[in-house]
mmCIF file of all heavy atoms, coordinates in Angstrom:
data_MODEL
# 
_entry.id   MODEL 
# 
loop_
_atom_site.group_PDB 
_atom_site.id 
_atom_site.type_symbol 
_atom_site.label_atom_id 
_atom_site.label_alt_id 
_atom_site.label_comp_id 
_atom_site.label_asym_id 
_atom_site.label_entity_id 
_atom_site.label_seq_id 
_atom_site.pdbx_PDB_ins_code 
_atom_site.Cartn_x 
_atom_site.Cartn_y 
_atom_site.Cartn_z 
_atom_site.occupancy 
_atom_site.B_iso_or_equiv 
_atom_site.pdbx_formal_charge 
_atom_site.auth_seq_id 
_atom_site.auth_comp_id 
_atom_site.auth_asym_id 
_atom_site.auth_atom_id 
_atom_site.pdbx_PDB_model_num 
ATOM 1   N N   . GLU A 1 1  ? 139.478 69.956 26.851 1.00 0.00 ? 1  GLU A N   1 
ATOM 2   C CA  . GLU A 1 1  ? 139.717 70.526 28.134 1.00 0.00 ? 1  GLU A CA  1 
ATOM 3   C C   . GLU A 1 1  ? 139.174 71.981 28.324 1.00 0.00 ? 1  GLU A C   1 
ATOM 4   O O   . GLU A 1 1  ? 138.668 72.333 29.336 1.00 0.00 ? 1  GLU A O   1 
ATOM 5   C CB  . GLU A 1 1  ? 141.200 70.574 28.461 1.00 0.00 ? 1  GLU A CB  1 
ATOM 6   C CG  . GLU A 1 1  ? 141.596 70.774 29.933 1.00 0.00 ? 1  GLU A CG  1 
ATOM 7   C CD  . GLU A 1 1  ? 141.127 69.646 30.835 1.00 0.00 ? 1  GLU A CD  1 
ATOM 8   O OE1 . GLU A 1 1  ? 141.095 68.525 30.325 1.00 0.00 ? 1  GLU A OE1 1 
ATOM 9   O OE2 . GLU A 1 1  ? 140.836 69.876 31.970 1.00 0.00 ? 1  GLU A OE2 1 
ATOM 10  N N   . LYS A 1 2  ? 139.162 72.692 27.221 1.00 0.00 ? 2  LYS A N   1 
ATOM 11  C CA  . LYS A 1 2  ? 138.570 74.056 27.244 1.00 0.00 ? 2  LYS A CA  1 
ATOM 12  C C   . LYS A 1 2  ? 137.048 74.029 27.506 1.00 0.00 ? 2  LYS A C   1 
ATOM 13  O O   . LYS A 1 2  ? 136.513 74.859 28.246 1.00 0.00 ? 2  LYS A O   1 
ATOM 14  C CB  . LYS A 1 2  ? 138.862 74.815 25.978 1.00 0.00 ? 2  LYS A CB  1 
ATOM 15  C CG  . LYS A 1 2  ? 140.400 75.115 25.796 1.00 0.00 ? 2  LYS A CG  1 
ATOM 16  C CD  . LYS A 1 2  ? 140.667 75.859 24.485 1.00 0.00 ? 2  LYS A CD  1 
ATOM 17  C CE  . LYS A 1 2  ? 142.187 76.048 24.459 1.00 0.00 ? 2  LYS A CE  1 
ATOM 18  N NZ  . LYS A 1 2  ? 142.539 76.692 23.169 1.00 0.00 ? 2  LYS A NZ  1 
ATOM 19  N N   . SER A 1 3  ? 136.388 73.056 26.913 1.00 0.00 ? 3  SER A N   1 
ATOM 20  C CA  . SER A 1 3  ? 134.901 72.954 27.179 1.00 0.00 ? 3  SER A CA  1 
ATOM 21  C C   . SER A 1 3  ? 134.697 72.650 28.602 1.00 0.00 ? 3  SER A C   1 
ATOM 22  O O   . SER A 1 3  ? 133.763 73.132 29.260 1.00 0.00 ? 3  SER A O   1 
ATOM 23  C CB  . SER A 1 3  ? 134.332 71.839 26.252 1.00 0.00 ? 3  SER A CB  1 
ATOM 24  O OG  . SER A 1 3  ? 134.382 72.223 24.886 1.00 0.00 ? 3  SER A OG  1 
ATOM 25  N N   . LYS A 1 4  ? 135.552 71.691 29.166 1.00 0.00 ? 4  LYS A N   1 
ATOM 26  C CA  . LYS A 1 4  ? 135.359 71.360 30.599 1.00 0.00 ? 4  LYS A CA  1 
ATOM 27  C C   . LYS A 1 4  ? 135.623 72.559 31.421 1.00 0.00 ? 4  LYS A C   1 
ATOM 28  O O   . LYS A 1 4  ? 134.922 72.742 32.448 1.00 0.00 ? 4  LYS A O   1 
ATOM 29  C CB  . LYS A 1 4  ? 136.441 70.213 30.884 1.00 0.00 ? 4  LYS A CB  1 
ATOM 30  C CG  . LYS A 1 4  ? 136.122 69.522 32.231 1.00 0.00 ? 4  LYS A CG  1 
ATOM 31  C CD  . LYS A 1 4  ? 137.171 68.541 32.567 1.00 0.00 ? 4  LYS A CD  1 
ATOM 32  C CE  . LYS A 1 4  ? 137.101 67.327 31.628 1.00 0.00 ? 4  LYS A CE  1 
ATOM 33  N NZ  . LYS A 1 4  ? 137.954 66.214 31.986 1.00 0.00 ? 4  LYS A NZ  1 
ATOM 34  N N   . ASN A 1 5  ? 136.581 73.385 31.109 1.00 0.00 ? 5  ASN A N   1 
ATOM 35  C CA  . ASN A 1 5  ? 136.907 74.570 31.906 1.00 0.00 ? 5  ASN A CA  1 
ATOM 36  C C   . ASN A 1 5  ? 135.718 75.622 31.851 1.00 0.00 ? 5  ASN A C   1 
ATOM 37  O O   . ASN A 1 5  ? 135.400 76.177 32.866 1.00 0.00 ? 5  ASN A O   1 
ATOM 38  C CB  . ASN A 1 5  ? 138.200 75.226 31.402 1.00 0.00 ? 5  ASN A CB  1 
ATOM 39  C CG  . ASN A 1 5  ? 139.404 74.384 31.699 1.00 0.00 ? 5  ASN A CG  1 
ATOM 40  O OD1 . ASN A 1 5  ? 139.405 73.509 32.540 1.00 0.00 ? 5  ASN A OD1 1 
ATOM 41  N ND2 . ASN A 1 5  ? 140.482 74.652 30.952 1.00 0.00 ? 5  ASN A ND2 1 
ATOM 42  N N   . ILE A 1 6  ? 135.140 75.731 30.666 1.00 0.00 ? 6  ILE A N   1 
ATOM 43  C CA  . ILE A 1 6  ? 134.002 76.647 30.567 1.00 0.00 ? 6  ILE A CA  1 
ATOM 44  C C   . ILE A 1 6  ? 132.893 76.201 31.396 1.00 0.00 ? 6  ILE A C   1 
ATOM 45  O O   . ILE A 1 6  ? 132.254 77.010 32.161 1.00 0.00 ? 6  ILE A O   1 
ATOM 46  C CB  . ILE A 1 6  ? 133.575 76.767 29.108 1.00 0.00 ? 6  ILE A CB  1 
ATOM 47  C CG1 . ILE A 1 6  ? 134.540 77.523 28.266 1.00 0.00 ? 6  ILE A CG1 1 
ATOM 48  C CG2 . ILE A 1 6  ? 132.189 77.418 28.945 1.00 0.00 ? 6  ILE A CG2 1 
ATOM 49  C CD1 . ILE A 1 6  ? 134.355 77.525 26.771 1.00 0.00 ? 6  ILE A CD1 1 
ATOM 50  N N   . VAL A 1 7  ? 132.563 74.899 31.405 1.00 0.00 ? 7  VAL A N   1 
ATOM 51  C CA  . VAL A 1 7  ? 131.507 74.352 32.262 1.00 0.00 ? 7  VAL A CA  1 
ATOM 52  C C   . VAL A 1 7  ? 131.840 74.576 33.732 1.00 0.00 ? 7  VAL A C   1 
ATOM 53  O O   . VAL A 1 7  ? 130.993 75.007 34.485 1.00 0.00 ? 7  VAL A O   1 
ATOM 54  C CB  . VAL A 1 7  ? 131.260 72.866 31.963 1.00 0.00 ? 7  VAL A CB  1 
ATOM 55  C CG1 . VAL A 1 7  ? 130.273 72.265 33.006 1.00 0.00 ? 7  VAL A CG1 1 
ATOM 56  C CG2 . VAL A 1 7  ? 130.676 72.711 30.546 1.00 0.00 ? 7  VAL A CG2 1 
ATOM 57  N N   . SER A 1 8  ? 133.042 74.320 34.099 1.00 0.00 ? 8  SER A N   1 
ATOM 58  C CA  . SER A 1 8  ? 133.511 74.453 35.515 1.00 0.00 ? 8  SER A CA  1 
ATOM 59  C C   . SER A 1 8  ? 133.339 75.924 35.983 1.00 0.00 ? 8  SER A C   1 
ATOM 60  O O   . SER A 1 8  ? 132.804 76.194 37.026 1.00 0.00 ? 8  SER A O   1 
ATOM 61  C CB  . SER A 1 8  ? 134.936 74.042 35.645 1.00 0.00 ? 8  SER A CB  1 
ATOM 62  O OG  . SER A 1 8  ? 135.399 74.220 36.955 1.00 0.00 ? 8  SER A OG  1 
ATOM 63  N N   . ILE A 1 9  ? 133.706 76.881 35.143 1.00 0.00 ? 9  ILE A N   1 
ATOM 64  C CA  . ILE A 1 9  ? 133.565 78.252 35.450 1.00 0.00 ? 9  ILE A CA  1 
ATOM 65  C C   . ILE A 1 9  ? 132.124 78.695 35.557 1.00 0.00 ? 9  ILE A C   1 
ATOM 66  O O   . ILE A 1 9  ? 131.708 79.426 36.544 1.00 0.00 ? 9  ILE A O   1 
ATOM 67  C CB  . ILE A 1 9  ? 134.291 79.194 34.388 1.00 0.00 ? 9  ILE A CB  1 
ATOM 68  C CG1 . ILE A 1 9  ? 135.816 78.991 34.554 1.00 0.00 ? 9  ILE A CG1 1 
ATOM 69  C CG2 . ILE A 1 9  ? 133.911 80.619 34.538 1.00 0.00 ? 9  ILE A CG2 1 
ATOM 70  C CD1 . ILE A 1 9  ? 136.610 79.528 33.320 1.00 0.00 ? 9  ILE A CD1 1 
ATOM 71  N N   . LEU A 1 10 ? 131.284 78.167 34.644 1.00 0.00 ? 10 LEU A N   1 
ATOM 72  C CA  . LEU A 1 10 ? 129.870 78.557 34.708 1.00 0.00 ? 10 LEU A CA  1 
ATOM 73  C C   . LEU A 1 10 ? 129.160 77.906 35.916 1.00 0.00 ? 10 LEU A C   1 
ATOM 74  O O   . LEU A 1 10 ? 128.318 78.531 36.549 1.00 0.00 ? 10 LEU A O   1 
ATOM 75  C CB  . LEU A 1 10 ? 129.133 78.119 33.382 1.00 0.00 ? 10 LEU A CB  1 
ATOM 76  C CG  . LEU A 1 10 ? 129.550 78.992 32.176 1.00 0.00 ? 10 LEU A CG  1 
ATOM 77  C CD1 . LEU A 1 10 ? 128.987 78.298 30.905 1.00 0.00 ? 10 LEU A CD1 1 
ATOM 78  C CD2 . LEU A 1 10 ? 129.071 80.410 32.351 1.00 0.00 ? 10 LEU A CD2 1 
ATOM 79  N N   . VAL A 1 11 ? 129.557 76.679 36.307 1.00 0.00 ? 11 VAL A N   1 
ATOM 80  C CA  . VAL A 1 11 ? 129.022 76.065 37.450 1.00 0.00 ? 11 VAL A CA  1 
ATOM 81  C C   . VAL A 1 11 ? 129.383 76.916 38.707 1.00 0.00 ? 11 VAL A C   1 
ATOM 82  O O   . VAL A 1 11 ? 128.562 77.150 39.545 1.00 0.00 ? 11 VAL A O   1 
ATOM 83  C CB  . VAL A 1 11 ? 129.458 74.606 37.566 1.00 0.00 ? 11 VAL A CB  1 
ATOM 84  C CG1 . VAL A 1 11 ? 129.255 74.041 39.027 1.00 0.00 ? 11 VAL A CG1 1 
ATOM 85  C CG2 . VAL A 1 11 ? 128.904 73.722 36.506 1.00 0.00 ? 11 VAL A CG2 1 
ATOM 86  N N   . GLY A 1 12 ? 130.649 77.289 38.777 1.00 0.00 ? 12 GLY A N   1 
ATOM 87  C CA  . GLY A 1 12 ? 131.066 78.111 39.969 1.00 0.00 ? 12 GLY A CA  1 
ATOM 88  C C   . GLY A 1 12 ? 130.290 79.386 40.004 1.00 0.00 ? 12 GLY A C   1 
ATOM 89  O O   . GLY A 1 12 ? 129.811 79.768 41.126 1.00 0.00 ? 12 GLY A O   1 
ATOM 90  N N   . TYR A 1 13 ? 130.071 80.107 38.887 1.00 0.00 ? 13 TYR A N   1 
ATOM 91  C CA  . TYR A 1 13 ? 129.343 81.305 38.890 1.00 0.00 ? 13 TYR A CA  1 
ATOM 92  C C   . TYR A 1 13 ? 127.923 81.051 39.330 1.00 0.00 ? 13 TYR A C   1 
ATOM 93  O O   . TYR A 1 13 ? 127.329 81.802 40.153 1.00 0.00 ? 13 TYR A O   1 
ATOM 94  C CB  . TYR A 1 13 ? 129.360 81.956 37.516 1.00 0.00 ? 13 TYR A CB  1 
ATOM 95  C CG  . TYR A 1 13 ? 128.445 83.144 37.444 1.00 0.00 ? 13 TYR A CG  1 
ATOM 96  C CD1 . TYR A 1 13 ? 129.005 84.414 37.788 1.00 0.00 ? 13 TYR A CD1 1 
ATOM 97  C CD2 . TYR A 1 13 ? 127.121 83.076 37.008 1.00 0.00 ? 13 TYR A CD2 1 
ATOM 98  C CE1 . TYR A 1 13 ? 128.129 85.524 37.739 1.00 0.00 ? 13 TYR A CE1 1 
ATOM 99  C CE2 . TYR A 1 13 ? 126.297 84.252 37.015 1.00 0.00 ? 13 TYR A CE2 1 
ATOM 100 C CZ  . TYR A 1 13 ? 126.821 85.438 37.344 1.00 0.00 ? 13 TYR A CZ  1 
ATOM 101 O OH  . TYR A 1 13 ? 126.020 86.494 37.323 1.00 0.00 ? 13 TYR A OH  1 
ATOM 102 N N   . ALA A 1 14 ? 127.321 79.968 38.774 1.00 0.00 ? 14 ALA A N   1 
ATOM 103 C CA  . ALA A 1 14 ? 125.966 79.667 39.072 1.00 0.00 ? 14 ALA A CA  1 
ATOM 104 C C   . ALA A 1 14 ? 125.760 79.340 40.576 1.00 0.00 ? 14 ALA A C   1 
ATOM 105 O O   . ALA A 1 14 ? 124.765 79.823 41.172 1.00 0.00 ? 14 ALA A O   1 
ATOM 106 C CB  . ALA A 1 14 ? 125.505 78.511 38.234 1.00 0.00 ? 14 ALA A CB  1 
ATOM 107 N N   . LYS A 1 15 ? 126.624 78.568 41.135 1.00 0.00 ? 15 LYS A N   1 
ATOM 108 C CA  . LYS A 1 15 ? 126.556 78.260 42.582 1.00 0.00 ? 15 LYS A CA  1 
ATOM 109 C C   . LYS A 1 15 ? 126.587 79.540 43.412 1.00 0.00 ? 15 LYS A C   1 
ATOM 110 O O   . LYS A 1 15 ? 125.861 79.648 44.418 1.00 0.00 ? 15 LYS A O   1 
ATOM 111 C CB  . LYS A 1 15 ? 127.701 77.312 42.997 1.00 0.00 ? 15 LYS A CB  1 
ATOM 112 C CG  . LYS A 1 15 ? 127.690 75.958 42.276 1.00 0.00 ? 15 LYS A CG  1 
ATOM 113 C CD  . LYS A 1 15 ? 126.639 75.027 42.740 1.00 0.00 ? 15 LYS A CD  1 
ATOM 114 C CE  . LYS A 1 15 ? 126.793 73.669 42.059 1.00 0.00 ? 15 LYS A CE  1 
ATOM 115 N NZ  . LYS A 1 15 ? 125.573 73.038 41.854 1.00 0.00 ? 15 LYS A NZ  1 
ATOM 116 N N   . MET A 1 16 ? 127.390 80.470 43.112 1.00 0.00 ? 16 MET A N   1 
ATOM 117 C CA  . MET A 1 16 ? 127.521 81.670 43.826 1.00 0.00 ? 16 MET A CA  1 
ATOM 118 C C   . MET A 1 16 ? 126.251 82.550 43.775 1.00 0.00 ? 16 MET A C   1 
ATOM 119 O O   . MET A 1 16 ? 125.998 83.420 44.563 1.00 0.00 ? 16 MET A O   1 
ATOM 120 C CB  . MET A 1 16 ? 128.709 82.538 43.347 1.00 0.00 ? 16 MET A CB  1 
ATOM 121 C CG  . MET A 1 16 ? 130.061 81.989 43.813 1.00 0.00 ? 16 MET A CG  1 
ATOM 122 S SD  . MET A 1 16 ? 131.393 83.059 43.365 1.00 0.00 ? 16 MET A SD  1 
ATOM 123 C CE  . MET A 1 16 ? 131.683 82.662 41.639 1.00 0.00 ? 16 MET A CE  1 
ATOM 124 N N   . ASN A 1 17 ? 125.516 82.297 42.645 1.00 0.00 ? 17 ASN A N   1 
ATOM 125 C CA  . ASN A 1 17 ? 124.325 83.174 42.422 1.00 0.00 ? 17 ASN A CA  1 
ATOM 126 C C   . ASN A 1 17 ? 123.014 82.386 42.438 1.00 0.00 ? 17 ASN A C   1 
ATOM 127 O O   . ASN A 1 17 ? 122.035 82.880 41.906 1.00 0.00 ? 17 ASN A O   1 
ATOM 128 C CB  . ASN A 1 17 ? 124.509 83.879 41.071 1.00 0.00 ? 17 ASN A CB  1 
ATOM 129 C CG  . ASN A 1 17 ? 125.598 84.919 41.098 1.00 0.00 ? 17 ASN A CG  1 
ATOM 130 O OD1 . ASN A 1 17 ? 125.406 86.041 41.600 1.00 0.00 ? 17 ASN A OD1 1 
ATOM 131 N ND2 . ASN A 1 17 ? 126.765 84.611 40.669 1.00 0.00 ? 17 ASN A ND2 1 
ATOM 132 N N   . ASN A 1 18 ? 123.022 81.258 43.042 1.00 0.00 ? 18 ASN A N   1 
ATOM 133 C CA  . ASN A 1 18 ? 121.836 80.415 43.189 1.00 0.00 ? 18 ASN A CA  1 
ATOM 134 C C   . ASN A 1 18 ? 121.081 80.144 41.904 1.00 0.00 ? 18 ASN A C   1 
ATOM 135 O O   . ASN A 1 18 ? 119.876 80.264 41.824 1.00 0.00 ? 18 ASN A O   1 
ATOM 136 C CB  . ASN A 1 18 ? 120.870 81.079 44.223 1.00 0.00 ? 18 ASN A CB  1 
ATOM 137 C CG  . ASN A 1 18 ? 119.903 80.143 44.796 1.00 0.00 ? 18 ASN A CG  1 
ATOM 138 O OD1 . ASN A 1 18 ? 120.211 78.928 44.968 1.00 0.00 ? 18 ASN A OD1 1 
ATOM 139 N ND2 . ASN A 1 18 ? 118.732 80.587 45.168 1.00 0.00 ? 18 ASN A ND2 1 
ATOM 140 N N   . ILE A 1 19 ? 121.829 79.784 40.831 1.00 0.00 ? 19 ILE A N   1 
ATOM 141 C CA  . ILE A 1 19 ? 121.308 79.485 39.591 1.00 0.00 ? 19 ILE A CA  1 
ATOM 142 C C   . ILE A 1 19 ? 121.607 77.915 39.402 1.00 0.00 ? 19 ILE A C   1 
ATOM 143 O O   . ILE A 1 19 ? 122.661 77.451 39.619 1.00 0.00 ? 19 ILE A O   1 
ATOM 144 C CB  . ILE A 1 19 ? 121.999 80.245 38.459 1.00 0.00 ? 19 ILE A CB  1 
ATOM 145 C CG1 . ILE A 1 19 ? 121.762 81.731 38.622 1.00 0.00 ? 19 ILE A CG1 1 
ATOM 146 C CG2 . ILE A 1 19 ? 121.504 79.788 37.018 1.00 0.00 ? 19 ILE A CG2 1 
ATOM 147 C CD1 . ILE A 1 19 ? 122.613 82.592 37.713 1.00 0.00 ? 19 ILE A CD1 1 
ATOM 148 N N   . LYS A 1 20 ? 120.610 77.178 38.928 1.00 0.00 ? 20 LYS A N   1 
ATOM 149 C CA  . LYS A 1 20 ? 120.788 75.749 38.586 1.00 0.00 ? 20 LYS A CA  1 
ATOM 150 C C   . LYS A 1 20 ? 121.334 75.663 37.222 1.00 0.00 ? 20 LYS A C   1 
ATOM 151 O O   . LYS A 1 20 ? 120.844 76.309 36.316 1.00 0.00 ? 20 LYS A O   1 
ATOM 152 C CB  . LYS A 1 20 ? 119.463 75.048 38.727 1.00 0.00 ? 20 LYS A CB  1 
ATOM 153 C CG  . LYS A 1 20 ? 118.748 75.001 40.070 1.00 0.00 ? 20 LYS A CG  1 
ATOM 154 C CD  . LYS A 1 20 ? 119.449 74.063 40.982 1.00 0.00 ? 20 LYS A CD  1 
ATOM 155 C CE  . LYS A 1 20 ? 118.843 73.996 42.305 1.00 0.00 ? 20 LYS A CE  1 
ATOM 156 N NZ  . LYS A 1 20 ? 119.567 73.512 43.326 1.00 0.00 ? 20 LYS A NZ  1 
ATOM 157 N N   . ILE A 1 21 ? 122.327 74.766 37.046 1.00 0.00 ? 21 ILE A N   1 
ATOM 158 C CA  . ILE A 1 21 ? 122.875 74.497 35.722 1.00 0.00 ? 21 ILE A CA  1 
ATOM 159 C C   . ILE A 1 21 ? 122.300 73.219 35.151 1.00 0.00 ? 21 ILE A C   1 
ATOM 160 O O   . ILE A 1 21 ? 122.207 72.226 35.799 1.00 0.00 ? 21 ILE A O   1 
ATOM 161 C CB  . ILE A 1 21 ? 124.427 74.327 35.787 1.00 0.00 ? 21 ILE A CB  1 
ATOM 162 C CG1 . ILE A 1 21 ? 125.103 75.596 36.211 1.00 0.00 ? 21 ILE A CG1 1 
ATOM 163 C CG2 . ILE A 1 21 ? 124.994 73.735 34.500 1.00 0.00 ? 21 ILE A CG2 1 
ATOM 164 C CD1 . ILE A 1 21 ? 125.267 76.553 35.100 1.00 0.00 ? 21 ILE A CD1 1 
ATOM 165 N N   . VAL A 1 22 ? 121.816 73.396 33.937 1.00 0.00 ? 22 VAL A N   1 
ATOM 166 C CA  . VAL A 1 22 ? 121.274 72.232 33.164 1.00 0.00 ? 22 VAL A CA  1 
ATOM 167 C C   . VAL A 1 22 ? 122.162 71.890 31.986 1.00 0.00 ? 22 VAL A C   1 
ATOM 168 O O   . VAL A 1 22 ? 122.409 72.853 31.179 1.00 0.00 ? 22 VAL A O   1 
ATOM 169 C CB  . VAL A 1 22 ? 119.831 72.523 32.636 1.00 0.00 ? 22 VAL A CB  1 
ATOM 170 C CG1 . VAL A 1 22 ? 119.262 71.308 31.862 1.00 0.00 ? 22 VAL A CG1 1 
ATOM 171 C CG2 . VAL A 1 22 ? 118.937 72.941 33.718 1.00 0.00 ? 22 VAL A CG2 1 
ATOM 172 N N   . ALA A 1 23 ? 122.611 70.679 31.828 1.00 0.00 ? 23 ALA A N   1 
ATOM 173 C CA  . ALA A 1 23 ? 123.434 70.261 30.672 1.00 0.00 ? 23 ALA A CA  1 
ATOM 174 C C   . ALA A 1 23 ? 122.407 69.624 29.646 1.00 0.00 ? 23 ALA A C   1 
ATOM 175 O O   . ALA A 1 23 ? 121.799 68.711 29.947 1.00 0.00 ? 23 ALA A O   1 
ATOM 176 C CB  . ALA A 1 23 ? 124.474 69.319 31.111 1.00 0.00 ? 23 ALA A CB  1 
ATOM 177 N N   . GLU A 1 24 ? 122.496 70.217 28.460 1.00 0.00 ? 24 GLU A N   1 
ATOM 178 C CA  . GLU A 1 24 ? 121.721 69.620 27.286 1.00 0.00 ? 24 GLU A CA  1 
ATOM 179 C C   . GLU A 1 24 ? 122.572 68.677 26.541 1.00 0.00 ? 24 GLU A C   1 
ATOM 180 O O   . GLU A 1 24 ? 123.795 68.678 26.599 1.00 0.00 ? 24 GLU A O   1 
ATOM 181 C CB  . GLU A 1 24 ? 121.236 70.702 26.387 1.00 0.00 ? 24 GLU A CB  1 
ATOM 182 C CG  . GLU A 1 24 ? 120.350 71.769 27.069 1.00 0.00 ? 24 GLU A CG  1 
ATOM 183 C CD  . GLU A 1 24 ? 119.880 72.842 26.079 1.00 0.00 ? 24 GLU A CD  1 
ATOM 184 O OE1 . GLU A 1 24 ? 120.643 73.267 25.217 1.00 0.00 ? 24 GLU A OE1 1 
ATOM 185 O OE2 . GLU A 1 24 ? 118.722 73.243 26.155 1.00 0.00 ? 24 GLU A OE2 1 
ATOM 186 N N   . TYR A 1 25 ? 121.949 67.740 25.812 1.00 0.00 ? 25 TYR A N   1 
ATOM 187 C CA  . TYR A 1 25 ? 122.611 66.798 24.924 1.00 0.00 ? 25 TYR A CA  1 
ATOM 188 C C   . TYR A 1 25 ? 123.536 65.893 25.679 1.00 0.00 ? 25 TYR A C   1 
ATOM 189 O O   . TYR A 1 25 ? 124.636 65.527 25.100 1.00 0.00 ? 25 TYR A O   1 
ATOM 190 C CB  . TYR A 1 25 ? 123.353 67.558 23.828 1.00 0.00 ? 25 TYR A CB  1 
ATOM 191 C CG  . TYR A 1 25 ? 122.428 68.309 22.853 1.00 0.00 ? 25 TYR A CG  1 
ATOM 192 C CD1 . TYR A 1 25 ? 122.101 69.620 23.124 1.00 0.00 ? 25 TYR A CD1 1 
ATOM 193 C CD2 . TYR A 1 25 ? 121.900 67.683 21.786 1.00 0.00 ? 25 TYR A CD2 1 
ATOM 194 C CE1 . TYR A 1 25 ? 121.241 70.315 22.287 1.00 0.00 ? 25 TYR A CE1 1 
ATOM 195 C CE2 . TYR A 1 25 ? 121.028 68.372 20.958 1.00 0.00 ? 25 TYR A CE2 1 
ATOM 196 C CZ  . TYR A 1 25 ? 120.750 69.671 21.137 1.00 0.00 ? 25 TYR A CZ  1 
ATOM 197 O OH  . TYR A 1 25 ? 119.900 70.361 20.338 1.00 0.00 ? 25 TYR A OH  1 
ATOM 198 N N   . VAL A 1 26 ? 123.205 65.409 26.804 1.00 0.00 ? 26 VAL A N   1 
ATOM 199 C CA  . VAL A 1 26 ? 123.981 64.396 27.514 1.00 0.00 ? 26 VAL A CA  1 
ATOM 200 C C   . VAL A 1 26 ? 123.729 63.133 26.850 1.00 0.00 ? 26 VAL A C   1 
ATOM 201 O O   . VAL A 1 26 ? 122.669 62.597 26.850 1.00 0.00 ? 26 VAL A O   1 
ATOM 202 C CB  . VAL A 1 26 ? 123.625 64.355 28.991 1.00 0.00 ? 26 VAL A CB  1 
ATOM 203 C CG1 . VAL A 1 26 ? 124.447 63.320 29.674 1.00 0.00 ? 26 VAL A CG1 1 
ATOM 204 C CG2 . VAL A 1 26 ? 123.827 65.740 29.656 1.00 0.00 ? 26 VAL A CG2 1 
ATOM 205 N N   . SER A 1 27 ? 124.778 62.560 26.134 1.00 0.00 ? 27 SER A N   1 
ATOM 206 C CA  . SER A 1 27 ? 124.524 61.423 25.277 1.00 0.00 ? 27 SER A CA  1 
ATOM 207 C C   . SER A 1 27 ? 125.076 60.057 25.758 1.00 0.00 ? 27 SER A C   1 
ATOM 208 O O   . SER A 1 27 ? 124.715 59.059 25.224 1.00 0.00 ? 27 SER A O   1 
ATOM 209 C CB  . SER A 1 27 ? 125.144 61.664 23.831 1.00 0.00 ? 27 SER A CB  1 
ATOM 210 O OG  . SER A 1 27 ? 126.502 61.921 23.996 1.00 0.00 ? 27 SER A OG  1 
ATOM 211 N N   . ASN A 1 28 ? 125.879 60.152 26.849 1.00 0.00 ? 28 ASN A N   1 
ATOM 212 C CA  . ASN A 1 28 ? 126.351 58.881 27.356 1.00 0.00 ? 28 ASN A CA  1 
ATOM 213 C C   . ASN A 1 28 ? 126.797 58.968 28.797 1.00 0.00 ? 28 ASN A C   1 
ATOM 214 O O   . ASN A 1 28 ? 126.828 60.086 29.416 1.00 0.00 ? 28 ASN A O   1 
ATOM 215 C CB  . ASN A 1 28 ? 127.647 58.410 26.467 1.00 0.00 ? 28 ASN A CB  1 
ATOM 216 C CG  . ASN A 1 28 ? 128.750 59.292 26.549 1.00 0.00 ? 28 ASN A CG  1 
ATOM 217 O OD1 . ASN A 1 28 ? 129.307 59.661 27.658 1.00 0.00 ? 28 ASN A OD1 1 
ATOM 218 N ND2 . ASN A 1 28 ? 129.292 59.691 25.366 1.00 0.00 ? 28 ASN A ND2 1 
# 
């Protein structure tokens, strides 16, 4: 859940600052 929360926070920050989020190592 902590990893999910970190991603959620970073996505929110990125959206507010017009930054695209790329997820590496998507395995499934």
